[in-house]
C-alpha atoms as a PDB file:
ATOM      1  CA  MET A   1      -6.264   7.293   3.936  1.00  0.00           C
ATOM      2  CA  ASN A   2      -3.248   6.001   2.011  1.00  0.00           C
ATOM      3  CA  GLY A   3      -1.388   3.096   3.610  1.00  0.00           C
ATOM      4  CA  ILE A   4       1.981   4.299   2.292  1.00  0.00           C
ATOM      5  CA  GLN A   5       3.181   7.419   4.120  1.00  0.00           C
ATOM      6  CA  ARG A   6       6.975   7.025   3.823  1.00  0.00           C
ATOM      7  CA  ILE A   7       9.054   5.369   1.096  1.00  0.00           C
ATOM      8  CA  LEU A   8      12.684   4.349   1.581  1.00  0.00           C
ATOM      9  CA  CYS A   9      14.896   4.432  -1.511  1.00  0.00           C
ATOM     10  CA  PRO A  10      18.448   3.135  -0.976  1.00  0.00           C
ATOM     11  CA  VAL A  11      20.905   4.382  -3.610  1.00  0.00           C
ATOM     12  CA  ASP A  12      24.411   3.392  -4.659  1.00  0.00           C
ATOM     13  CA  PHE A  13      24.616   6.012  -7.457  1.00  0.00           C
ATOM     14  CA  SER A  14      24.481   3.360 -10.201  1.00  0.00           C
ATOM     15  CA  GLU A  15      22.243   3.536 -13.258  1.00  0.00           C
ATOM     16  CA  THR A  16      20.019   0.903 -11.656  1.00  0.00           C
ATOM     17  CA  SER A  17      19.559   2.877  -8.443  1.00  0.00           C
ATOM     18  CA  ASP A  18      18.818   5.980 -10.561  1.00  0.00           C
ATOM     19  CA  LYS A  19      15.897   4.082 -12.122  1.00  0.00           C
ATOM     20  CA  ALA A  20      14.709   2.922  -8.696  1.00  0.00           C
ATOM     21  CA  PHE A  21      14.898   6.528  -7.432  1.00  0.00           C
ATOM     22  CA  ALA A  22      12.736   7.695 -10.361  1.00  0.00           C
ATOM     23  CA  VAL A  23      10.138   5.018  -9.517  1.00  0.00           C
ATOM     24  CA  ALA A  24      10.221   5.871  -5.784  1.00  0.00           C
ATOM     25  CA  ASP A  25       9.906   9.589  -6.520  1.00  0.00           C
ATOM     26  CA  SER A  26       6.950   9.027  -8.832  1.00  0.00           C
ATOM     27  CA  LEU A  27       5.234   6.788  -6.266  1.00  0.00           C
ATOM     28  CA  ALA A  28       5.847   9.322  -3.487  1.00  0.00           C
ATOM     29  CA  GLN A  29       4.260  12.055  -5.595  1.00  0.00           C
ATOM     30  CA  ARG A  30       1.239   9.939  -6.558  1.00  0.00           C
ATOM     31  CA  LEU A  31       0.663   8.655  -3.022  1.00  0.00           C
ATOM     32  CA  GLY A  32       1.470  11.878  -1.178  1.00  0.00           C
ATOM     33  CA  ALA A  33       4.246  10.065   0.698  1.00  0.00           C
ATOM     34  CA  GLU A  34       7.563  11.253   2.110  1.00  0.00           C
ATOM     35  CA  LEU A  35      10.748   9.969   0.483  1.00  0.00           C
ATOM     36  CA  VAL A  36      13.779   8.827   2.500  1.00  0.00           C
ATOM     37  CA  ILE A  37      16.883   8.519   0.316  1.00  0.00           C
ATOM     38  CA  LEU A  38      19.594   6.371   1.912  1.00  0.00           C
ATOM     39  CA  HIS A  39      23.201   5.632   1.052  1.00  0.00           C
ATOM     40  CA  ALA A  40      24.949   3.004   3.169  1.00  0.00           C
ATOM     41  CA  PHE A  41      28.742   3.172   3.207  1.00  0.00           C
ATOM     42  CA  GLU A  42      31.066   0.456   4.432  1.00  0.00           C
ATOM     43  CA  TYR A  43      33.642   2.032   6.748  1.00  0.00           C
ATOM     44  CA  PRO A  44      33.151   4.857   9.263  1.00  0.00           C
ATOM     45  CA  GLU A  45      35.992   7.293  10.004  1.00  0.00           C
ATOM     46  CA  GLN A  46      36.203   6.115  13.602  1.00  0.00           C
ATOM     47  CA  LEU A  47      34.417   3.525  15.642  1.00  0.00           C
ATOM     48  CA  THR A  48      32.089   6.023  17.289  1.00  0.00           C
ATOM     49  CA  VAL A  49      28.353   6.542  17.027  1.00  0.00           C
ATOM     50  CA  ALA A  50      28.816   9.975  15.421  1.00  0.00           C
ATOM     51  CA  ALA A  51      31.147   8.524  12.758  1.00  0.00           C
ATOM     52  CA  GLN A  52      28.389   6.219  11.542  1.00  0.00           C
ATOM     53  CA  GLU A  53      26.944   9.174   9.638  1.00  0.00           C
ATOM     54  CA  ARG A  54      30.277  10.599   8.375  1.00  0.00           C
ATOM     55  CA  PRO A  55      31.825   8.725   5.424  1.00  0.00           C
ATOM     56  CA  LEU A  56      35.536   8.827   4.618  1.00  0.00           C
ATOM     57  CA  ASP A  57      34.672  10.048   1.099  1.00  0.00           C
ATOM     58  CA  PRO A  58      33.686  13.736   1.440  1.00  0.00           C
ATOM     59  CA  THR A  59      31.929  13.695  -1.961  1.00  0.00           C
ATOM     60  CA  LEU A  60      29.232  11.260  -0.780  1.00  0.00           C
ATOM     61  CA  LYS A  61      27.163  13.754   1.208  1.00  0.00           C
ATOM     62  CA  PRO A  62      26.844  16.358  -1.583  1.00  0.00           C
ATOM     63  CA  LYS A  63      26.210  13.568  -4.091  1.00  0.00           C
ATOM     64  CA  LEU A  64      23.394  12.170  -1.938  1.00  0.00           C
ATOM     65  CA  GLU A  65      21.910  15.587  -1.214  1.00  0.00           C
ATOM     66  CA  GLY A  66      21.994  16.292  -4.952  1.00  0.00           C
ATOM     67  CA  LEU A  67      19.222  13.726  -5.385  1.00  0.00           C
ATOM     68  CA  LYS A  68      16.084  15.820  -5.310  1.00  0.00           C
ATOM     69  CA  SER A  69      12.481  15.021  -6.079  1.00  0.00           C
ATOM     70  CA  ALA A  70      11.166  16.068  -9.484  1.00  0.00           C
ATOM     71  CA  HIS A  71       7.968  17.025  -7.658  1.00  0.00           C
ATOM     72  CA  PRO A  72       7.948  20.109  -5.393  1.00  0.00           C
ATOM     73  CA  ASN A  73       5.316  18.665  -3.037  1.00  0.00           C
ATOM     74  CA  VAL A  74       7.390  15.560  -2.112  1.00  0.00           C
ATOM     75  CA  LYS A  75       9.202  15.907   1.217  1.00  0.00           C
ATOM     76  CA  VAL A  76      12.686  14.351   0.999  1.00  0.00           C
ATOM     77  CA  GLU A  77      15.048  13.238   3.767  1.00  0.00           C
ATOM     78  CA  HIS A  78      18.669  12.258   2.989  1.00  0.00           C
ATOM     79  CA  VAL A  79      20.388   9.664   5.200  1.00  0.00           C
ATOM     80  CA  LEU A  80      24.025   8.513   5.196  1.00  0.00           C
ATOM     81  CA  HIS A  81      24.833   5.556   7.440  1.00  0.00           C
ATOM     82  CA  ALA A  82      27.792   3.204   7.849  1.00  0.00           C
ATOM     83  CA  GLY A  83      27.402  -0.552   7.812  1.00  0.00           C
ATOM     84  CA  GLN A  84      26.591  -3.527   5.635  1.00  0.00           C
ATOM     85  CA  PRO A  85      24.117  -2.152   3.057  1.00  0.00           C
ATOM     86  CA  GLY A  86      21.478  -4.876   3.458  1.00  0.00           C
ATOM     87  CA  GLU A  87      21.426  -4.583   7.235  1.00  0.00           C
ATOM     88  CA  VAL A  88      21.444  -0.777   7.164  1.00  0.00           C
ATOM     89  CA  ILE A  89      18.572  -0.646   4.661  1.00  0.00           C
ATOM     90  CA  CYS A  90      16.401  -2.967   6.757  1.00  0.00           C
ATOM     91  CA  TRP A  91      17.197  -1.141   9.997  1.00  0.00           C
ATOM     92  CA  ILE A  92      16.640   2.375   8.578  1.00  0.00           C
ATOM     93  CA  GLY A  93      13.391   1.171   7.012  1.00  0.00           C
ATOM     94  CA  GLN A  94      12.227   0.017  10.428  1.00  0.00           C
ATOM     95  CA  ALA A  95      13.658   2.958  12.408  1.00  0.00           C
ATOM     96  CA  ARG A  96      12.142   5.581  10.062  1.00  0.00           C
ATOM     97  CA  GLN A  97       8.838   3.633   9.893  1.00  0.00           C
ATOM     98  CA  CYS A  98       8.939   3.296   6.118  1.00  0.00           C
ATOM     99  CA  ASP A  99       5.911   1.610   4.582  1.00  0.00           C
ATOM    100  CA  LEU A 100       7.688   0.598   1.359  1.00  0.00           C
ATOM    101  CA  ILE A 101      11.268   0.113   0.179  1.00  0.00           C
ATOM    102  CA  VAL A 102      11.976   0.785  -3.501  1.00  0.00           C
ATOM    103  CA  MET A 103      15.442  -0.317  -4.567  1.00  0.00           C
ATOM    104  CA  GLY A 104      17.433  -1.317  -7.607  1.00  0.00           C
ATOM    105  CA  THR A 105      18.720  -4.796  -8.235  1.00  0.00           C
ATOM    106  CA  HIS A 106      21.517  -5.694 -10.587  1.00  0.00           C
ATOM    107  CA  GLY A 107      20.054  -9.120 -11.291  1.00  0.00           C
ATOM    108  CA  ARG A 108      23.281 -11.045 -10.846  1.00  0.00           C
ATOM    109  CA  THR A 109      23.010 -14.806 -10.975  1.00  0.00           C
ATOM    110  CA  GLY A 110      25.290 -17.794 -10.649  1.00  0.00           C
ATOM    111  CA  LEU A 111      28.905 -17.231  -9.642  1.00  0.00           C
ATOM    112  CA  MET A 112      28.637 -13.422  -9.544  1.00  0.00           C
ATOM    113  CA  HIS A 113      25.718 -13.729  -7.119  1.00  0.00           C
ATOM    114  CA  LEU A 114      27.675 -16.158  -4.926  1.00  0.00           C
ATOM    115  CA  LEU A 115      30.777 -13.942  -4.903  1.00  0.00           C
ATOM    116  CA  LEU A 116      29.086 -10.570  -4.465  1.00  0.00           C
ATOM    117  CA  GLY A 117      25.909 -11.589  -2.680  1.00  0.00           C
ATOM    118  CA  SER A 118      22.721  -9.676  -3.214  1.00  0.00           C
ATOM    119  CA  VAL A 119      21.751  -6.674  -1.152  1.00  0.00           C
ATOM    120  CA  ALA A 120      18.262  -6.759  -2.686  1.00  0.00           C
ATOM    121  CA  GLU A 121      17.827 -10.405  -1.718  1.00  0.00           C
ATOM    122  CA  HIS A 122      18.922  -9.685   1.856  1.00  0.00           C
ATOM    123  CA  VAL A 123      16.462  -6.791   2.079  1.00  0.00           C
ATOM    124  CA  MET A 124      13.606  -8.850   0.629  1.00  0.00           C
ATOM    125  CA  ARG A 125      14.230 -11.558   3.241  1.00  0.00           C
ATOM    126  CA  HIS A 126      14.687  -9.317   6.290  1.00  0.00           C
ATOM    127  CA  ALA A 127      12.850  -6.014   5.761  1.00  0.00           C
ATOM    128  CA  ARG A 128       9.790  -5.375   7.899  1.00  0.00           C
ATOM    129  CA  SER A 129       7.958  -3.668   5.037  1.00  0.00           C
ATOM    130  CA  PRO A 130       7.187  -4.587   1.414  1.00  0.00           C
ATOM    131  CA  VAL A 131      10.068  -4.284  -1.067  1.00  0.00           C
ATOM    132  CA  LEU A 132       9.735  -3.235  -4.698  1.00  0.00           C
ATOM    133  CA  THR A 133      12.800  -4.013  -6.817  1.00  0.00           C
ATOM    134  CA  VAL A 134      13.628  -2.203 -10.042  1.00  0.00           C
ATOM    135  CA  ARG A 135      15.964  -3.729 -12.589  1.00  0.00           C
ATOM    136  CA  ASN A 136      17.768  -1.849 -15.327  1.00  0.00           C
ATOM    137  CA  ARG A 137      16.984  -3.813 -18.476  1.00  0.00           C
ATOM    138  CA  PRO A 138      18.725  -3.230 -21.816  1.00  0.00           C
ATOM    139  CA  ALA A 139      16.641  -1.342 -24.392  1.00  0.00           C
ATOM    140  CA  ASP A 140      17.218  -4.085 -26.972  1.00  0.00           C
ATOM    141  CA  GLU A 141      16.078  -6.910 -24.678  1.00  0.00           C
ATOM    142  CA  PRO A 142      13.626  -9.137 -26.599  1.00  0.00           C
ATOM    143  CA  PRO A 143      10.059  -9.358 -25.296  1.00  0.00           C
ATOM    144  CA  LEU A 144       8.968 -12.433 -23.373  1.00  0.00           C
ATOM    145  CA  GLU A 145       7.348 -15.185 -25.383  1.00  0.00           C
ATOM    146  CA  GLU A 146       3.939 -16.555 -24.489  1.00  0.00           C
ATOM    147  CA  PRO A 147       4.327 -19.693 -22.346  1.00  0.00           C
ATOM    148  CA  LEU A 148       3.668 -22.973 -24.098  1.00  0.00           C
ATOM    149  CA  VAL A 149       0.814 -24.867 -22.460  1.00  0.00           C
ATOM    150  CA  LEU A 150       0.835 -28.585 -23.143  1.00  0.00           C
ATOM    151  CA  PRO A 151      -2.234 -30.815 -22.826  1.00  0.00           C
ATOM    152  CA  VAL A 152      -2.512 -32.805 -19.628  1.00  0.00           C
ATOM    153  CA  PRO A 153      -1.220 -36.345 -20.237  1.00  0.00           C
ATOM    154  CA  PRO A 154      -3.743 -39.140 -19.769  1.00  0.00           C
ATOM    155  CA  PRO A 155      -3.531 -41.198 -16.570  1.00  0.00           C
ATOM    156  CA  ARG A 156      -1.065 -44.129 -16.703  1.00  0.00           C
ATOM    157  CA  PHE A 157      -3.679 -46.827 -16.244  1.00  0.00           C
ATOM    158  CA  MET A 158      -5.383 -46.045 -19.583  1.00  0.00           C
END
């Protein structure tokens, strides 16, 4: 029996999350897993429990529900939920008993990372299931070079 029954794929409708969705969809098809597609939005209409699933932007729900599996045998669930994205992703992953989270990362470093934070980093630190991150790399990015291995220096007493 496969250990991965349900995959969570958080989306923010960016090119990077589109790539992560494609990976999650492919994995779900290959593993026979369900796919939970989540979009976390910042502000609910009202401070009620029901409003946590109703975003101010009425285009979000149809946009989210427009994400469909390329494979007819993959069962898909769409979830909209208010709150800080990192916290919502971790909680939904736990609440829906997801065995894997597949999400995009923008790969920000330095000042941009300090200013904007990293949802992917938060999820990797706090999620209760494994996290697979997908990064959108430029097509013209040069390949990695083979690491240089230097000889071990002799001991100092020689």
